[in-house]
Each structure stands twice: as C-alpha cells, then as structure tokens.
Protein backbone atom coordinates (compact mmCIF):
# COMPACT_ATOMS: atom_id res chain seq x y z
CA MET A 1 -37.24 -15.77 -52.95
CA LEU A 2 -34.28 -17.09 -54.92
CA ASN A 3 -32.99 -13.52 -55.30
CA LEU A 4 -35.15 -12.89 -58.36
CA SER A 5 -34.40 -9.87 -60.50
CA GLU A 6 -36.68 -6.94 -59.66
CA LYS A 7 -38.40 -7.09 -63.05
CA TYR A 8 -39.66 -10.60 -62.28
CA LYS A 9 -40.87 -9.96 -58.74
CA GLN A 10 -44.58 -9.74 -58.02
CA LYS A 11 -46.75 -9.67 -54.94
CA GLN A 12 -50.28 -10.94 -55.32
CA ARG A 13 -52.34 -12.67 -52.66
CA LEU A 14 -54.14 -15.71 -54.04
CA ASN A 15 -57.34 -17.33 -52.83
CA LYS A 16 -56.36 -20.70 -51.42
CA LYS A 17 -59.50 -22.18 -52.99
CA LEU A 18 -57.62 -22.00 -56.29
CA PHE A 19 -55.35 -24.78 -55.00
CA ILE A 20 -58.09 -27.26 -54.17
CA PRO A 21 -58.91 -29.42 -57.24
CA LYS A 22 -62.63 -29.95 -57.75
CA ASN A 23 -62.24 -33.59 -58.77
CA GLU A 24 -60.34 -34.70 -55.67
CA LYS A 25 -61.81 -36.86 -52.92
CA LEU A 26 -63.37 -35.10 -49.95
CA ALA A 27 -60.62 -36.27 -47.60
CA VAL A 28 -57.93 -34.83 -49.89
CA LYS A 29 -59.82 -31.55 -50.27
CA LYS A 30 -60.12 -31.24 -46.51
CA ARG A 31 -56.43 -31.91 -45.97
CA LEU A 32 -55.55 -29.29 -48.59
CA LYS A 33 -57.91 -26.76 -47.05
CA ASP A 34 -56.54 -27.39 -43.56
CA SER A 35 -52.88 -27.42 -44.64
CA ILE A 36 -52.79 -24.27 -46.79
CA LEU A 37 -52.91 -21.14 -44.65
CA LYS A 38 -51.92 -18.51 -47.20
CA ALA A 39 -50.81 -18.41 -50.84
CA GLU A 40 -49.25 -15.68 -52.92
CA LEU A 41 -47.59 -15.17 -56.28
CA ILE A 42 -44.19 -13.65 -55.62
CA GLY A 43 -42.57 -13.85 -59.04
CA GLN A 44 -43.22 -14.59 -62.68
CA ILE A 45 -41.00 -14.85 -65.74
CA GLN A 46 -42.93 -14.21 -68.92
CA GLY A 47 -42.32 -12.57 -72.26
CA GLU A 48 -39.25 -13.33 -74.34
CA ASP A 49 -36.51 -11.59 -72.37
CA ILE A 50 -35.65 -15.16 -71.44
CA PRO A 51 -36.98 -17.11 -74.46
CA SER A 52 -39.81 -19.60 -74.10
CA VAL A 53 -39.72 -23.17 -75.35
CA ILE A 54 -43.01 -23.95 -77.06
CA ASN A 55 -43.25 -27.14 -79.07
CA GLU A 56 -45.09 -30.46 -79.04
CA THR A 57 -43.37 -31.47 -75.80
CA TYR A 58 -43.10 -28.29 -73.72
CA ASN A 59 -44.79 -24.98 -73.13
CA THR A 60 -42.59 -22.81 -70.95
CA SER A 61 -44.14 -19.45 -71.81
CA VAL A 62 -44.51 -18.68 -68.08
CA THR A 63 -42.43 -19.67 -65.06
CA MET A 64 -44.11 -18.98 -61.72
CA PHE A 65 -42.77 -18.54 -58.20
CA LEU A 66 -45.23 -19.09 -55.36
CA ASN A 67 -45.01 -18.73 -51.62
CA ILE A 68 -47.39 -21.00 -49.73
CA GLU A 69 -47.67 -20.87 -45.96
CA ILE A 70 -48.74 -24.21 -44.51
CA ASP A 71 -49.61 -25.60 -41.11
CA ASN A 72 -46.72 -28.06 -40.93
CA ILE A 73 -43.74 -28.48 -43.26
CA LYS A 74 -44.29 -32.25 -43.10
CA ASN A 75 -47.26 -31.73 -45.43
CA ALA A 76 -45.10 -30.19 -48.17
CA ILE A 77 -44.51 -33.51 -49.97
CA PHE A 78 -48.24 -34.24 -50.10
CA LEU A 79 -49.05 -30.71 -51.27
CA ASN A 80 -46.34 -30.55 -53.90
CA GLY A 81 -47.51 -33.72 -55.64
CA ILE A 82 -51.01 -32.32 -56.02
CA LEU A 83 -50.20 -28.69 -56.75
CA GLN A 84 -47.48 -29.37 -59.31
CA GLU A 85 -49.89 -31.59 -61.23
CA MET A 86 -52.66 -29.03 -60.97
CA LEU A 87 -50.60 -26.03 -62.14
CA LYS A 88 -49.80 -26.16 -65.86
CA ALA A 89 -46.87 -23.75 -65.77
CA PHE A 90 -43.41 -24.64 -64.54
CA VAL A 91 -43.45 -23.42 -60.97
CA ILE A 92 -41.17 -23.30 -57.94
CA ILE A 93 -43.15 -23.30 -54.71
CA GLN A 94 -41.66 -22.12 -51.46
CA TYR A 95 -43.45 -23.89 -48.62
CA ASN A 96 -43.02 -22.42 -45.15
CA ASP A 97 -44.70 -23.18 -41.87
CA VAL A 98 -45.37 -21.11 -38.78
CA LYS A 99 -42.16 -22.37 -37.13
CA GLY A 100 -39.93 -20.94 -39.86
CA ASN A 101 -39.25 -24.23 -41.62
CA ILE A 102 -38.92 -23.95 -45.41
CA ALA A 103 -38.78 -26.34 -48.36
CA LEU A 104 -38.80 -25.67 -52.10
CA GLY A 105 -41.04 -27.73 -54.37
CA PHE A 106 -40.29 -28.51 -58.02
CA GLY A 107 -42.15 -30.31 -60.79
CA TYR A 108 -40.92 -31.28 -64.26
CA LYS A 109 -43.74 -31.29 -66.81
CA ARG A 110 -44.43 -32.02 -70.43
CA LEU A 111 -47.45 -31.68 -72.67
CA SER A 112 -49.74 -34.68 -73.00
CA LYS A 113 -49.51 -36.52 -76.30
CA VAL A 114 -53.14 -37.59 -75.92
CA GLU A 115 -55.08 -34.66 -74.44
CA GLN A 116 -54.43 -31.27 -76.04
CA ASN A 117 -53.42 -28.50 -73.60
CA GLU A 118 -53.08 -31.01 -70.74
CA ILE A 119 -49.81 -31.49 -68.90
CA VAL A 120 -48.12 -34.62 -67.58
CA LEU A 121 -46.16 -34.29 -64.36
CA GLU A 122 -43.15 -36.51 -65.01
CA ASN A 123 -41.65 -36.10 -61.54
CA ASN A 124 -41.66 -33.80 -58.56
CA PHE A 125 -39.77 -33.40 -55.31
CA ILE A 126 -39.17 -31.04 -52.43
CA THR A 127 -35.80 -30.02 -51.05
CA ASN A 128 -34.52 -30.79 -47.60
CA VAL A 129 -36.22 -28.67 -44.98
CA PHE A 130 -34.15 -25.63 -44.07
CA THR A 131 -34.33 -22.33 -42.20
CA GLU A 132 -33.06 -18.93 -43.28
CA TYR A 133 -30.32 -18.80 -40.68
CA MET A 134 -26.56 -18.85 -40.82
CA PHE A 135 -24.94 -22.29 -40.61
CA ASP A 136 -27.90 -24.06 -42.24
CA GLU A 137 -26.01 -25.96 -44.94
CA THR A 138 -28.97 -26.47 -47.27
CA TYR A 139 -29.88 -22.78 -47.08
CA GLU A 140 -26.30 -21.70 -47.77
CA LEU A 141 -25.85 -24.12 -50.71
CA LEU A 142 -29.14 -23.12 -52.30
CA GLY A 143 -28.07 -19.50 -52.07
CA GLU A 144 -24.70 -20.30 -53.60
CA TYR A 145 -26.01 -22.36 -56.52
CA ILE A 146 -29.67 -21.83 -57.39
CA TYR A 147 -30.33 -18.17 -56.70
CA PHE A 148 -31.29 -16.42 -59.92
CA ASP A 149 -28.00 -14.57 -60.34
CA LYS A 150 -26.05 -17.83 -59.89
CA ILE A 151 -27.80 -19.71 -62.70
CA LYS A 152 -25.44 -20.34 -65.61
CA ASN A 153 -27.88 -21.24 -68.38
CA LYS A 154 -30.58 -18.65 -69.06
CA VAL A 155 -30.72 -19.40 -72.78
CA ASN A 156 -34.41 -20.22 -72.34
CA LYS A 157 -36.95 -20.83 -69.58
CA LEU A 158 -36.67 -24.62 -69.81
CA ALA A 159 -32.89 -24.53 -69.30
CA LEU A 160 -33.30 -22.08 -66.42
CA TYR A 161 -35.86 -24.22 -64.61
CA SER A 162 -33.96 -27.45 -65.28
CA GLU A 163 -30.76 -26.05 -63.78
CA MET A 164 -32.53 -24.74 -60.69
CA MET A 165 -34.39 -28.01 -60.18
CA VAL A 166 -31.47 -30.39 -60.66
CA LYS A 167 -29.10 -28.32 -58.53
CA ALA A 168 -31.70 -28.27 -55.75
CA TYR A 169 -32.07 -32.04 -56.07
CA ILE A 170 -28.31 -32.57 -55.79
CA ILE A 171 -28.06 -30.31 -52.75
CA SER A 172 -30.85 -32.25 -51.05
CA ASN A 173 -29.38 -35.66 -51.95
CA LYS A 174 -25.64 -35.25 -51.39
CA ASN A 175 -25.46 -38.81 -50.09
CA LEU A 176 -26.07 -40.21 -53.58
CA TRP A 177 -22.55 -39.46 -54.81
CA SER A 178 -19.46 -38.24 -53.00
CA LYS A 179 -18.64 -36.00 -55.98
CA TRP A 180 -21.89 -34.02 -55.76
CA ASN A 181 -19.94 -30.76 -55.52
CA PHE A 182 -18.13 -31.51 -58.80
CA ILE A 183 -21.50 -31.61 -60.58
CA LEU A 184 -22.56 -28.29 -59.05
CA ASP A 185 -19.33 -26.60 -60.12
CA SER A 186 -19.21 -28.16 -63.59
CA ASN A 187 -20.36 -26.75 -66.93
CA VAL A 188 -22.92 -29.50 -67.51
CA TRP A 189 -25.61 -26.83 -66.95
CA TYR A 190 -24.94 -25.27 -70.32
CA ASN A 191 -26.55 -28.33 -71.91
CA GLN A 192 -30.18 -28.77 -70.84
CA LEU A 193 -30.39 -32.35 -72.11
CA ASN A 194 -27.30 -33.35 -70.13
CA THR A 195 -28.67 -31.55 -67.08
CA MET A 196 -31.74 -33.78 -67.17
CA LYS A 197 -29.57 -36.85 -67.82
CA ILE A 198 -27.76 -36.09 -64.56
CA TYR A 199 -31.12 -35.94 -62.81
CA ASP A 200 -32.20 -39.28 -64.28
CA LEU A 201 -28.90 -40.93 -63.36
CA LEU A 202 -29.11 -39.68 -59.78
CA ASN A 203 -32.64 -41.06 -59.51
CA GLU A 204 -31.31 -44.43 -60.70
CA VAL A 205 -28.58 -44.22 -58.06
CA LYS A 206 -31.20 -43.50 -55.43
CA GLU A 207 -33.27 -46.50 -56.49
CA ILE A 208 -30.28 -48.84 -56.40
CA LYS A 209 -29.13 -47.56 -53.02
CA ASN A 210 -32.62 -48.14 -51.65
CA LYS A 211 -32.54 -51.72 -52.92
CA GLN A 212 -29.03 -52.22 -51.59
CA SER A 213 -30.06 -51.09 -48.11
CA LYS A 214 -32.51 -54.00 -47.94
CA VAL A 215 -30.04 -56.81 -48.71
CA ASN A 216 -27.38 -58.33 -46.50
CA ASN A 217 -25.52 -60.78 -48.72
CA THR A 218 -22.22 -60.23 -50.49
CA ALA A 219 -23.36 -61.28 -53.97
CA ASP A 220 -26.16 -58.72 -54.12
CA ASN A 221 -23.94 -55.99 -52.70
CA ILE A 222 -21.33 -56.66 -55.39
CA LYS A 223 -24.02 -56.53 -58.08
CA PHE A 224 -25.41 -53.24 -56.82
CA ASN A 225 -21.93 -51.74 -56.44
CA LYS A 226 -21.16 -52.56 -60.08
CA GLN A 227 -24.37 -50.87 -61.15
CA LEU A 228 -23.52 -47.80 -59.08
CA MET A 229 -20.00 -47.58 -60.51
CA LYS A 230 -21.48 -47.66 -64.02
CA LEU A 231 -23.84 -44.79 -63.19
CA TYR A 232 -21.05 -42.79 -61.55
CA GLY A 233 -18.94 -43.30 -64.66
CA ASP A 234 -21.78 -42.05 -66.85
CA MET A 235 -22.06 -38.91 -64.74
CA GLU A 236 -18.30 -38.36 -64.88
CA GLU A 237 -18.50 -38.38 -68.67
CA LEU A 238 -21.31 -35.83 -68.69
CA ILE A 239 -19.61 -33.36 -66.36
CA ASN A 240 -16.29 -33.68 -68.19
CA GLU A 241 -17.66 -33.09 -71.70
C-alpha cells in the first residue's frame, strides 16, 4: 500500500470487533459488523526517524496504515466517518471490496481543547473508487503523487500526512479547478500550513459550486463566479510563493 518503505511495513490481522464502538446505536453496530469482513495493520510510522509533532494541538507520534476488506465499496464513506473518529492516530485506510474496488480514507484530527487525550475529527473523506489496473486514472495519479517515495515533505509526520491527504483530495476532485495539476506539481507541499490552506480553499470551491448548481439566474451565477475567481486567485498565490 502506497509503496511504503520496508521499515514501515507490518502485517498484523486485527479483530474486527476493535472497529465497532461500544457507544454506537445497535443499527450502526450491525452495519459495521456486516460491512467489515477483514481488517489488518499493514504499516506504521513511529519513532523519530520522521519526527513527530506533539503539542497542544496535535499528537502525531504514530501514523497508521490499515487495510480493511468490506462487503461493498459503497459503504466506505459511512465506515470512514466512524473509524477515523474512533482511531486517535492519523491513519490512512485502504478499503477494498470483493470485486476489487478500492478507495483510500483520510481523516484530519486535532486534540480536544476540552477533554484531555481526546481527539476531534475536523474532516474526513475517501478518494474516488479505483482499481489496481492500467488505464485507471485515479490509480495512476495516486501512484505518481502520493506514494511514499513521491512525497516531498517528510520533515515531520504531520507534513507527511497532510501532503498525502491533500494530494489525494485534489486527484479525486479535479473538477474543482482546471489547474489541479499545477497544484500537484508545485512546491506548496514544503509548507504544511499552506498545504492545509489549499485544502480549505478547495472545500470552499466545492461548497460554492454545489450552491451554483442549484441556481438558474444570471445574477447569482455572476456572484458565485466572482467568489470562485477570488478563491482561484488565492490558490495561485499559494502555489507561486
């Protein structure tokens, strides 16, 4: 998965009961139990070879890589929302179903300012569904940009995860900006704060485009287009710094 360096690879079968929160409703527990067929830890970055970020906002002492086999890839969105909130570490989850469909799940987390040792899942998403075959564009782009040896910023675990996550988001949402490839090929990744600013700006673009798709009058379209141009300009500045 993600062409991890050998020193980070692991292979450990996990009891799927570990992924069923005790405080969830019975219907949710049943869906989790039915959906998850097999779970395993396939990689883990720990220690200070790649430095951790541990402060009042983040604890990135461990980055996990999981492989979870599920009944149907359509359930990946549901599962990722629950599992990313349940797991305290930064984790990339590869979901795959019996038909060979795959999606990667990400979650960006911070420490709670109220409850000590608790995490807050700020956002999560899964990539487009892909298969590990030639001519699958998502598969090829992920291999070109987010495989471990292609990551530009390994200054610490937070920067590493941020770059993987945001690149995966861009690849799965190329429709948000025609210059998506310019972001991927830029040096914005060397700045973790700017990397996350790109992510936030793209989410704003997505929200505006969703609103725009529901209107059919010229005035609103002009308003939304102006907002989009402002966001595109902000991204241009970040990638050209």
